[in-house]
Amino acid sequence: MVPTAIESPGSNVISRKKMAPSATPLSEKESNPVTPLRAALTSEKTPLAVRYRALFSLKHYASENPPTSDTIPAIQAIAAAFASPSALLKHEVAYCLGQTRNLASVPFLRGVLEDRGEDAMCRHEAAEALGALGDWDSLELLKRFRDKEGEVEVVRETCEIAVGRIEWEYSTQKKGERIRDSNFTSIDPAPPLAQNTHQPSIPKLQEKLLDTKLPLFDRYRAMFALRDLSSPPDLPSAVPAVKALASGFADSSALFRHEIAFVFGQLSHPASIPSLITTLSNRKEESMVRHEAAEALGSLGDEESVEDVLRGFLDDPEQVVRESVIVALDMAEFEKNGEMEYAILPDEQELARVKE
């Protein structure tokens, strides 16, 4: 997933991640913004980086609250990209639908999750998106795949977390929790762990993060609590929290490792660079983890040598990694140029450069 930043990553950064909800992707003069964006998103002739920008532009319209006349067409336009052969794009499509807070996205996501022939990375993202939407009516479906014998591990684990999130959303436990204010506006797979003190203990959170005896949902809660202690980057707790998060890359779960990389993409903290480069460089690592590490590095594109590192993987044997590097380099360019909104589609001159 492309990284949700402090939605505005210090702005604004692309992603599951980093698009400011107040973004106005296209000119307000555009009377029908969805049609050209849908065309850009669904065309296999459009450069991947441009399709990503179109996707996050559509996410803006799909997430408007209260809904407008563009909301449902935008959701339908996003879902139309599930027909793409690119697993990377489709998994980002599922992520964006999960961030819309609109239950009109549910049927499309259920369809992807139930399709056993679909790429596991896409099915995992669809399950996570159903959890993000808090769709109680999807609980039975998620439990079925959580408990299904022989189910792909990454899908099974994601369904476990999604069930935990939905049940928490409707629980009395939620009402009694005091959760630290977050700089991030993304709907996360699990809420940050509730803090009972004004001085949260990073070692204790790290202990929960790494405790494989705990449910994944609880470990994710520790993960997102550590994320919030890492932002803004000049917090005294930031570097220690980033280092605690990096220890999660040693976990046996590919899903868990991929979420660590995702969180680093949200944070865009320089202290995460060494562990991200190590993860991307490990050819034995699962592609869904390496791809997330590549996109996280893209959010750090204004840091020295990051672009050079990414270019070294443009010919990677794994397609999802190659494609992630293309997107990451586009994100890196965005970061370096200090653009205000990643979702704005390039003008004709910029589009020509992207196609080169």
Protein backbone atom coordinates (compact mmCIF):
# COMPACT_ATOMS: atom_id res chain seq x y z
CA MET A 1 0.00 0.00 0.00
CA VAL A 2 1.21 3.33 -0.74
CA PRO A 3 1.99 5.15 2.46
CA THR A 4 -1.39 7.56 5.05
CA ALA A 5 0.71 10.15 6.28
CA ILE A 6 0.19 12.77 8.67
CA GLU A 7 -2.35 13.57 6.23
CA SER A 8 -0.61 16.16 5.04
CA PRO A 9 3.15 14.43 5.34
CA GLY A 10 4.42 17.39 6.68
CA SER A 11 3.00 17.20 4.53
CA ASN A 12 1.19 15.31 1.99
CA VAL A 13 2.26 11.94 0.78
CA ILE A 14 0.68 9.30 -1.33
CA SER A 15 -0.66 6.36 0.28
CA ARG A 16 -2.57 3.96 2.21
CA LYS A 17 -1.57 6.11 3.40
CA LYS A 18 -0.67 9.59 2.85
CA MET A 19 -3.34 11.53 1.11
CA ALA A 20 -4.77 14.53 2.86
CA PRO A 21 -8.53 14.11 3.08
CA SER A 22 -8.99 17.75 2.23
CA ALA A 23 -7.08 17.40 -1.01
CA THR A 24 -8.73 18.77 -4.13
CA PRO A 25 -7.09 16.57 -6.74
CA LEU A 26 -8.47 18.11 -9.91
CA SER A 27 -9.40 21.58 -10.90
CA GLU A 28 -12.70 22.68 -9.47
CA LYS A 29 -13.52 23.73 -13.03
CA GLU A 30 -13.80 20.07 -13.98
CA SER A 31 -17.57 19.46 -14.15
CA ASN A 32 -17.25 15.68 -14.25
CA PRO A 33 -14.00 14.78 -12.50
CA VAL A 34 -14.69 11.06 -12.15
CA THR A 35 -14.86 10.12 -15.84
CA PRO A 36 -11.32 11.19 -16.85
CA LEU A 37 -9.89 9.82 -13.61
CA ARG A 38 -11.57 6.48 -14.18
CA ALA A 39 -10.19 6.39 -17.71
CA ALA A 40 -6.66 7.07 -16.43
CA LEU A 41 -6.94 4.51 -13.64
CA THR A 42 -8.32 1.63 -15.68
CA SER A 43 -6.24 2.02 -18.84
CA GLU A 44 -3.33 -0.43 -19.04
CA LYS A 45 -1.64 2.06 -21.37
CA THR A 46 -1.42 4.69 -18.62
CA PRO A 47 1.91 4.73 -16.73
CA LEU A 48 1.55 3.05 -13.34
CA ALA A 49 2.61 6.15 -11.40
CA VAL A 50 -0.12 8.17 -13.12
CA ARG A 51 -2.70 5.48 -12.38
CA TYR A 52 -1.75 5.75 -8.71
CA ARG A 53 -2.31 9.48 -8.77
CA ALA A 54 -5.68 8.97 -10.45
CA LEU A 55 -6.58 6.40 -7.79
CA PHE A 56 -5.88 8.75 -4.91
CA SER A 57 -7.74 11.54 -6.66
CA LEU A 58 -10.75 9.24 -6.91
CA LYS A 59 -10.33 8.30 -3.26
CA HIS A 60 -10.87 11.97 -2.42
CA TYR A 61 -14.25 12.03 -4.18
CA ALA A 62 -15.22 8.59 -2.85
CA SER A 63 -14.53 9.70 0.73
CA GLU A 64 -16.40 13.01 0.75
CA ASN A 65 -18.60 13.50 3.78
CA PRO A 66 -21.39 14.24 3.36
CA PRO A 67 -21.47 12.29 0.08
CA THR A 68 -21.88 14.18 -3.17
CA SER A 69 -23.07 13.22 -6.63
CA ASP A 70 -19.49 12.12 -7.35
CA THR A 71 -19.18 9.73 -4.39
CA ILE A 72 -20.77 6.53 -5.73
CA PRO A 73 -19.38 6.99 -9.27
CA ALA A 74 -15.93 7.43 -7.70
CA ILE A 75 -16.32 4.22 -5.68
CA GLN A 76 -17.43 2.38 -8.81
CA ALA A 77 -14.52 3.85 -10.76
CA ILE A 78 -12.03 2.68 -8.14
CA ALA A 79 -13.55 -0.81 -8.06
CA ALA A 80 -13.35 -1.03 -11.86
CA ALA A 81 -9.58 -1.26 -11.50
CA PHE A 82 -9.94 -4.71 -9.93
CA ALA A 83 -9.93 -5.90 -13.55
CA SER A 84 -6.26 -4.94 -13.88
CA PRO A 85 -3.62 -7.68 -14.08
CA SER A 86 -1.45 -5.70 -11.65
CA ALA A 87 -1.68 -7.18 -8.16
CA LEU A 88 0.04 -4.09 -6.80
CA LEU A 89 -2.58 -1.74 -8.22
CA LYS A 90 -5.47 -3.95 -7.15
CA HIS A 91 -4.24 -4.20 -3.59
CA GLU A 92 -4.04 -0.39 -3.47
CA VAL A 93 -7.55 -0.21 -4.90
CA ALA A 94 -8.80 -2.38 -2.02
CA TYR A 95 -6.98 -0.19 0.48
CA CYS A 96 -8.58 2.98 -0.90
CA LEU A 97 -12.06 1.49 -0.80
CA GLY A 98 -11.49 0.63 2.85
CA GLN A 99 -10.62 4.24 3.60
CA THR A 100 -13.82 5.68 2.09
CA ARG A 101 -15.95 5.11 5.22
CA ASN A 102 -18.69 4.25 2.76
CA LEU A 103 -20.42 0.86 2.87
CA ALA A 104 -21.09 1.05 -0.87
CA SER A 105 -17.53 -0.30 -1.14
CA VAL A 106 -18.40 -3.52 0.69
CA PRO A 107 -19.75 -5.69 -2.19
CA PHE A 108 -16.63 -5.09 -4.28
CA LEU A 109 -14.35 -6.00 -1.38
CA ARG A 110 -16.29 -9.12 -0.47
CA GLY A 111 -16.04 -10.27 -4.06
CA VAL A 112 -12.26 -9.97 -4.02
CA LEU A 113 -11.89 -11.74 -0.68
CA GLU A 114 -14.09 -14.63 -1.81
CA ASP A 115 -12.21 -15.09 -5.09
CA ARG A 116 -9.75 -17.88 -4.30
CA GLY A 117 -8.12 -17.33 -7.69
CA GLU A 118 -7.20 -13.74 -6.83
CA ASP A 119 -3.71 -12.83 -5.67
CA ALA A 120 -3.35 -13.34 -1.90
CA MET A 121 -2.03 -9.80 -1.46
CA CYS A 122 -5.25 -8.42 -2.96
CA ARG A 123 -7.47 -10.72 -0.91
CA HIS A 124 -5.60 -9.74 2.26
CA GLU A 125 -6.12 -6.05 1.49
CA ALA A 126 -9.81 -6.62 0.80
CA ALA A 127 -10.21 -8.30 4.19
CA GLU A 128 -8.36 -5.48 5.90
CA ALA A 129 -10.56 -2.94 4.12
CA LEU A 130 -13.74 -4.64 5.35
CA GLY A 131 -12.34 -4.32 8.86
CA ALA A 132 -11.51 -0.66 8.28
CA LEU A 133 -15.09 -0.04 7.18
CA GLY A 134 -16.32 -1.66 10.39
CA ASP A 135 -18.88 -3.65 8.43
CA TRP A 136 -20.65 -5.82 11.00
CA ASP A 137 -22.45 -7.74 8.26
CA SER A 138 -19.07 -8.95 6.92
CA LEU A 139 -18.13 -10.49 10.26
CA GLU A 140 -19.42 -13.97 9.39
CA LEU A 141 -17.52 -13.95 6.07
CA LEU A 142 -14.30 -12.82 7.76
CA LYS A 143 -14.63 -15.48 10.46
CA ARG A 144 -15.17 -18.12 7.80
CA PHE A 145 -11.91 -17.31 6.05
CA ARG A 146 -10.14 -16.88 9.39
CA ASP A 147 -11.09 -20.43 10.34
CA LYS A 148 -10.93 -22.02 6.88
CA GLU A 149 -8.58 -25.00 6.75
CA GLY A 150 -5.88 -24.57 4.14
CA GLU A 151 -6.49 -20.84 3.70
CA VAL A 152 -3.46 -18.77 2.71
CA GLU A 153 -1.78 -17.61 5.91
CA VAL A 154 -1.69 -13.91 5.03
CA VAL A 155 -5.43 -13.96 4.28
CA ARG A 156 -6.26 -15.95 7.40
CA GLU A 157 -4.23 -13.61 9.63
CA THR A 158 -5.76 -10.51 8.07
CA CYS A 159 -9.26 -11.85 8.64
CA GLU A 160 -8.32 -12.48 12.28
CA ILE A 161 -7.28 -8.84 12.68
CA ALA A 162 -10.33 -7.54 10.79
CA VAL A 163 -12.65 -9.54 13.06
CA GLY A 164 -10.86 -8.09 16.08
CA ARG A 165 -11.24 -4.56 14.76
CA ILE A 166 -14.95 -4.85 13.99
CA GLU A 167 -15.72 -6.46 17.34
CA TRP A 168 -13.70 -3.75 19.11
CA GLU A 169 -15.55 -1.06 17.15
CA TYR A 170 -18.88 -2.23 18.58
CA SER A 171 -17.61 -3.10 22.07
CA THR A 172 -18.09 -1.49 25.46
CA GLN A 173 -14.30 -1.75 25.80
CA LYS A 174 -13.87 0.96 23.17
CA LYS A 175 -16.04 3.39 25.12
CA GLY A 176 -13.86 3.08 28.21
CA GLU A 177 -10.50 3.45 26.52
CA ARG A 178 -8.38 6.58 26.45
CA ILE A 179 -6.44 6.58 23.22
CA ARG A 180 -3.67 9.09 22.57
CA ASP A 181 -4.44 11.68 19.90
CA SER A 182 -2.83 10.70 16.61
CA ASN A 183 -1.31 12.79 13.82
CA PHE A 184 -2.61 10.23 11.36
CA THR A 185 -6.11 10.25 9.91
CA SER A 186 -5.96 6.85 8.24
CA ILE A 187 -8.31 4.08 9.35
CA ASP A 188 -5.79 1.59 10.67
CA PRO A 189 -6.15 -2.21 10.85
CA ALA A 190 -6.18 -1.83 14.64
CA PRO A 191 -6.49 1.22 16.89
CA PRO A 192 -3.43 2.28 18.90
CA LEU A 193 -3.22 0.62 22.29
CA ALA A 194 -4.96 2.64 24.98
CA GLN A 195 -2.57 4.52 27.25
CA ASN A 196 -3.24 4.63 30.99
CA THR A 197 -0.31 6.92 31.78
CA HIS A 198 1.06 10.18 30.42
CA GLN A 199 4.44 8.53 29.84
CA PRO A 200 3.91 5.39 27.74
CA SER A 201 6.72 2.86 28.08
CA ILE A 202 8.37 2.07 24.74
CA PRO A 203 10.01 -1.11 26.13
CA LYS A 204 6.61 -2.37 27.33
CA LEU A 205 5.01 -1.58 23.99
CA GLN A 206 7.87 -3.34 22.22
CA GLU A 207 7.36 -6.35 24.46
CA LYS A 208 3.70 -6.52 23.41
CA LEU A 209 4.68 -5.94 19.77
CA LEU A 210 6.95 -8.97 19.76
CA ASP A 211 4.88 -11.30 21.97
CA THR A 212 3.69 -14.02 19.58
CA LYS A 213 1.44 -15.46 22.31
CA LEU A 214 -0.81 -12.41 22.03
CA PRO A 215 -3.53 -12.11 19.36
CA LEU A 216 -2.34 -10.32 16.24
CA PHE A 217 -4.94 -7.62 16.84
CA ASP A 218 -3.36 -6.76 20.19
CA ARG A 219 0.15 -6.77 18.72
CA TYR A 220 -1.03 -4.44 15.97
CA ARG A 221 -2.42 -2.12 18.62
CA ALA A 222 1.06 -1.93 20.17
CA MET A 223 2.48 -1.29 16.70
CA PHE A 224 0.26 1.69 16.06
CA ALA A 225 0.87 3.05 19.55
CA LEU A 226 4.60 3.00 18.78
CA ARG A 227 3.88 4.71 15.47
CA ASP A 228 2.12 7.56 17.24
CA LEU A 229 5.08 7.92 19.60
CA SER A 230 7.28 8.35 16.52
CA SER A 231 5.48 11.41 15.21
CA PRO A 232 6.28 14.21 14.84
CA PRO A 233 9.87 13.13 14.12
CA ASP A 234 11.44 15.54 16.62
CA LEU A 235 9.64 13.95 19.59
CA PRO A 236 12.13 12.60 22.17
CA SER A 237 10.36 9.26 21.86
CA ALA A 238 10.53 9.14 18.04
CA VAL A 239 13.86 7.42 17.39
CA PRO A 240 13.49 4.86 20.23
CA ALA A 241 9.98 4.05 19.00
CA VAL A 242 11.18 3.65 15.40
CA LYS A 243 13.92 1.29 16.57
CA ALA A 244 11.36 -0.69 18.56
CA LEU A 245 9.19 -0.99 15.47
CA ALA A 246 12.15 -2.12 13.37
CA SER A 247 12.60 -5.10 15.67
CA GLY A 248 9.31 -6.37 14.23
CA PHE A 249 11.05 -7.20 10.96
CA ALA A 250 12.35 -10.35 12.69
CA ASP A 251 8.82 -11.69 13.20
CA SER A 252 7.81 -14.95 11.55
CA SER A 253 4.63 -13.46 10.05
CA ALA A 254 5.01 -11.88 6.60
CA LEU A 255 1.80 -9.94 7.23
CA PHE A 256 3.25 -8.48 10.42
CA ARG A 257 6.55 -7.56 8.73
CA HIS A 258 4.71 -5.91 5.87
CA GLU A 259 2.69 -3.79 8.31
CA ILE A 260 5.90 -2.61 9.98
CA ALA A 261 7.10 -1.41 6.57
CA PHE A 262 3.75 0.26 5.95
CA VAL A 263 3.97 2.14 9.23
CA PHE A 264 7.46 3.32 8.31
CA GLY A 265 5.99 4.65 5.07
CA GLN A 266 3.51 6.64 7.10
CA LEU A 267 6.18 8.01 9.40
CA SER A 268 8.78 8.94 6.78
CA HIS A 269 11.35 8.94 9.59
CA PRO A 270 15.02 8.79 8.51
CA ALA A 271 15.80 6.39 11.37
CA SER A 272 13.80 3.71 9.52
CA ILE A 273 15.92 3.85 6.36
CA PRO A 274 18.56 1.22 7.30
CA SER A 275 15.97 -1.43 8.17
CA LEU A 276 13.90 -0.64 5.08
CA ILE A 277 16.91 -0.98 2.79
CA THR A 278 17.84 -4.26 4.44
CA THR A 279 14.30 -5.57 3.96
CA LEU A 280 14.08 -4.48 0.32
CA SER A 281 17.51 -5.95 -0.41
CA ASN A 282 16.64 -9.37 1.02
CA ARG A 283 15.69 -11.44 -2.03
CA LYS A 284 14.50 -14.23 0.27
CA GLU A 285 11.93 -11.94 1.88
CA GLU A 286 8.28 -12.21 0.82
CA SER A 287 7.46 -9.89 -2.08
CA MET A 288 4.56 -8.27 -0.18
CA VAL A 289 7.05 -7.19 2.49
CA ARG A 290 9.70 -5.99 0.02
CA HIS A 291 7.14 -4.04 -1.97
CA GLU A 292 5.97 -2.23 1.15
CA ALA A 293 9.57 -1.42 2.07
CA ALA A 294 10.12 0.06 -1.41
CA GLU A 295 7.09 2.33 -1.13
CA ALA A 296 8.11 3.37 2.37
CA LEU A 297 11.50 4.41 1.01
CA GLY A 298 9.66 6.42 -1.64
CA SER A 299 8.11 8.52 1.12
CA LEU A 300 11.70 9.29 2.20
CA GLY A 301 12.76 10.31 -1.27
CA ASP A 302 14.19 13.64 -0.15
CA GLU A 303 16.79 11.82 1.98
CA GLU A 304 20.26 11.33 0.53
CA SER A 305 20.86 8.21 -1.64
CA VAL A 306 17.32 6.83 -1.25
CA GLU A 307 16.50 7.28 -4.94
CA ASP A 308 19.76 5.58 -5.94
CA VAL A 309 18.88 2.62 -3.75
CA LEU A 310 15.43 2.34 -5.30
CA ARG A 311 16.74 2.52 -8.87
CA GLY A 312 18.82 -0.55 -8.12
CA PHE A 313 15.60 -2.59 -7.95
CA LEU A 314 13.92 -1.43 -11.16
CA ASP A 315 14.80 -4.79 -12.73
CA ASP A 316 13.94 -6.93 -9.71
CA PRO A 317 12.73 -10.45 -10.57
CA GLU A 318 9.49 -9.86 -8.63
CA GLN A 319 6.91 -7.86 -10.60
CA VAL A 320 5.25 -6.41 -7.52
CA VAL A 321 8.63 -5.13 -6.32
CA ARG A 322 9.50 -3.65 -9.72
CA GLU A 323 6.15 -1.87 -9.89
CA SER A 324 6.46 -0.63 -6.31
CA VAL A 325 9.84 0.89 -7.13
CA ILE A 326 8.29 2.78 -10.06
CA VAL A 327 5.64 4.20 -7.74
CA ALA A 328 8.22 4.87 -5.03
CA LEU A 329 10.42 6.86 -7.39
CA ASP A 330 7.42 8.95 -8.40
CA MET A 331 6.69 9.53 -4.71
CA ALA A 332 10.34 10.42 -4.15
CA GLU A 333 10.18 13.02 -6.91
CA PHE A 334 7.05 14.43 -5.33
CA GLU A 335 8.81 14.66 -1.95
CA LYS A 336 11.87 16.37 -3.42
CA ASN A 337 9.80 18.92 -5.31
CA GLY A 338 7.71 19.81 -2.27
CA GLU A 339 4.46 19.42 -4.20
CA MET A 340 1.32 20.06 -2.19
CA GLU A 341 -0.82 17.10 -3.23
CA TYR A 342 0.39 13.80 -4.63
CA ALA A 343 -3.08 13.12 -6.03
CA ILE A 344 -2.89 15.91 -8.60
CA LEU A 345 -2.43 14.37 -12.01
CA PRO A 346 0.65 15.59 -13.92
CA ASP A 347 0.15 18.14 -16.65
CA GLU A 348 0.94 17.16 -20.23
CA GLN A 349 4.63 18.05 -19.93
CA GLU A 350 5.02 16.06 -16.71
CA LEU A 351 3.05 13.17 -18.15
CA ALA A 352 5.46 13.02 -21.07
CA ARG A 353 8.36 12.78 -18.60
CA VAL A 354 6.67 9.97 -16.69
CA LYS A 355 6.16 8.00 -19.91
CA GLU A 356 9.83 8.19 -20.85
